[in-house]
């Protein structure tokens, strides 16, 4: 079997592999002493917590299930995360049952916001995980450093600056092939010297419609590409100036939506400055500017045939864009037992839209680009923050932070859509603004005679409603003109606690939380005329995660994780909707020299705590869900320190199942009128080659 191809060969695979190998063989010629990374001969099946409430991972590691197509795909393998599914790619991440901007999702410190009013292009859909060097997750409201509103947690995808002591280079390339036409290519290389570097990272990925466990085809094909370039200047070991630029695009069709994504165009620019080792109380300075632009087109004809009996029998399209600009400045002050990071940040986000038209008289379709753009919203946030770490005693630490944000939104809509026709917008031209405080304090203590850390932290976050909550709902709370007029900021107070153990053969951790959310923003779809209504309620939440990794012997290792989230709408006594069920992952790995083999058993309980017709801007509860178990196998072989082959079989027994967090199948693809969850892929084969020099 060709080690670079798993399944039928396709045009374009071999040239990529040959070019990657050619670059890899040429790399040593650029520098005699280039640093060589050593690939691990294993496949990751569980991501464990690294320190209290913090998960750190390398997104480039081989992992099971089949390597991620976007950020949501990757995050859902971390305990506490789940995903709202709508087909093959571009789902929406959920952390501890919390959705949307409650998760502060950043790439290289910047904010990339999608444009679709119903999050067809969720911010996570623009992120290709394998093109980043480091993923950091901070659960709960336990940091204030990275922007406002992070009540559920903070997620950072980052590319590390390059450091070359002399003229040198490095290269990472990978190729993945699998069932359902899956084909991923990644190329990440850098050249540089003592004074600076040039880095390029790019990927192409695609997949056809997949088959579920019953052998039925699920409309889910997608493809995407990204390319990013960074130029860095490092005049000395403590100074960095980096300019970066990137573009990307893609398409995806969704079994759970009435339209598909025909374009996911991305443009990004970034400038950052870092100066460390200043030698006094002022230890480090950081400054950053970023620009992110999303240009998204959705239609019902480029990736499907319009349903003549549906709500959109004629060709229709809509184009939306989102332009987000921001910056951050931070200074680190260091004393004997205290470190303080303080700074300011700001962002501006503008949203526009234009739609196509089908002219009945002329029997012709007029595309969206023939119409002018219409700006509907501009949002601002200006924040100041400070986060302090105090070594209170030899084995005790106090970490505390506070931030203050001034957030605002302006409604530019002159009209809004009603059930039958547009009507004047009662809040046209109005601006709303709020001053929102947030903060936290956490205590950590290390035991004297054991590698064990106990911790507890209390956090409070006030979150300004995001674009989707203010502008996407059909109506707002009772008595309000609309959601923009009536939705109040969300206020979360949460206690996080847990324990972390790191022994020679055993690593174990457990984290729990309990919280109260005042003015929780809930979407209600149960109205007689359909559509959605955004409202504020009070809610209680609690849950936790635990994990263990144990070396049974020199060759056998096992790991397990467990995650549970619970929520209650305390305003009406109902369950809080869109809560993921109890989930466990059990893994076993055997490793002999450069070979490894492993198994992963994912077990998910049934979810009976639902509130039908209620949810968020993307999805709603439409019934209870059954539990399931899925078993997968993997293997890997390290040919050398620079070359690794890995392969896997996901859903080995071809189980037919659906996730609880899911969109109902769209009638345009033949799904019934009664809501029916979209089934997940059946047995999936994949193989991957990684090359590092």
Foldseek 3Di string as FASTA:
>chain_A
DPLQEDDDDDPPSVVQVVVQVVCQVCFCVQDVDADFFFAAQDADQAFDADDVQKTKDFLQGHYPDPRAQWDLRVVCRYFQKHWQDFAADQTFIAGLLHGDLLEAEEEQLHFAQAFDLLRSPGSRNVGDRNQFGMKMKRAAQFDDARDANNGGTYIYGYHDFDAAQAWGKKKKWKWKAWPQGWIKIKIWMKTDGHFWIKIKIKMKIWGAFFAALVRDTAQWTKIKMKIKMKIWTHRDPFKIKIKMKMWMWMWIQGLQDQKTWPIWIKIKIKIKIKGACPPAQFGIKIKMKMKMKTKTKIWNPPSAQADCPDPPNDTKMKIKMKIKIKMWIWIWGDDDFKIKIWTKMKMKMWMKMFIKDQDPVVRDTGGRVVDDIDTFKMKMKIKIKMWMWGPPDPFKIKIKMKMKMKIKMFGQDQWDQDLVGIDGQPRHGHMDIDIWMWMKMKMWGQDPPFRKIWMKMKIKHWADDDPSQQPVAPAEDPPASGSVGDQHTKMKIKMKIWMWHDDPFKTKIKMKMKMKIFQDWKWFQPDPSGTIYIGGFIKIKIWIKMKMKGDPDPFKIKMKMKTAIFMARVRVGAGAASRFFIKMKIKMKGDDVFKIKMKIKIWGAKDQRFDARMDGSNDHQQGTFHIDMAMKMKMKGAPDSFKIKIKMKTRVVSDWGAGRSYRFGDCSVPGDPRGDGDTDHGIMIMMMMMGID
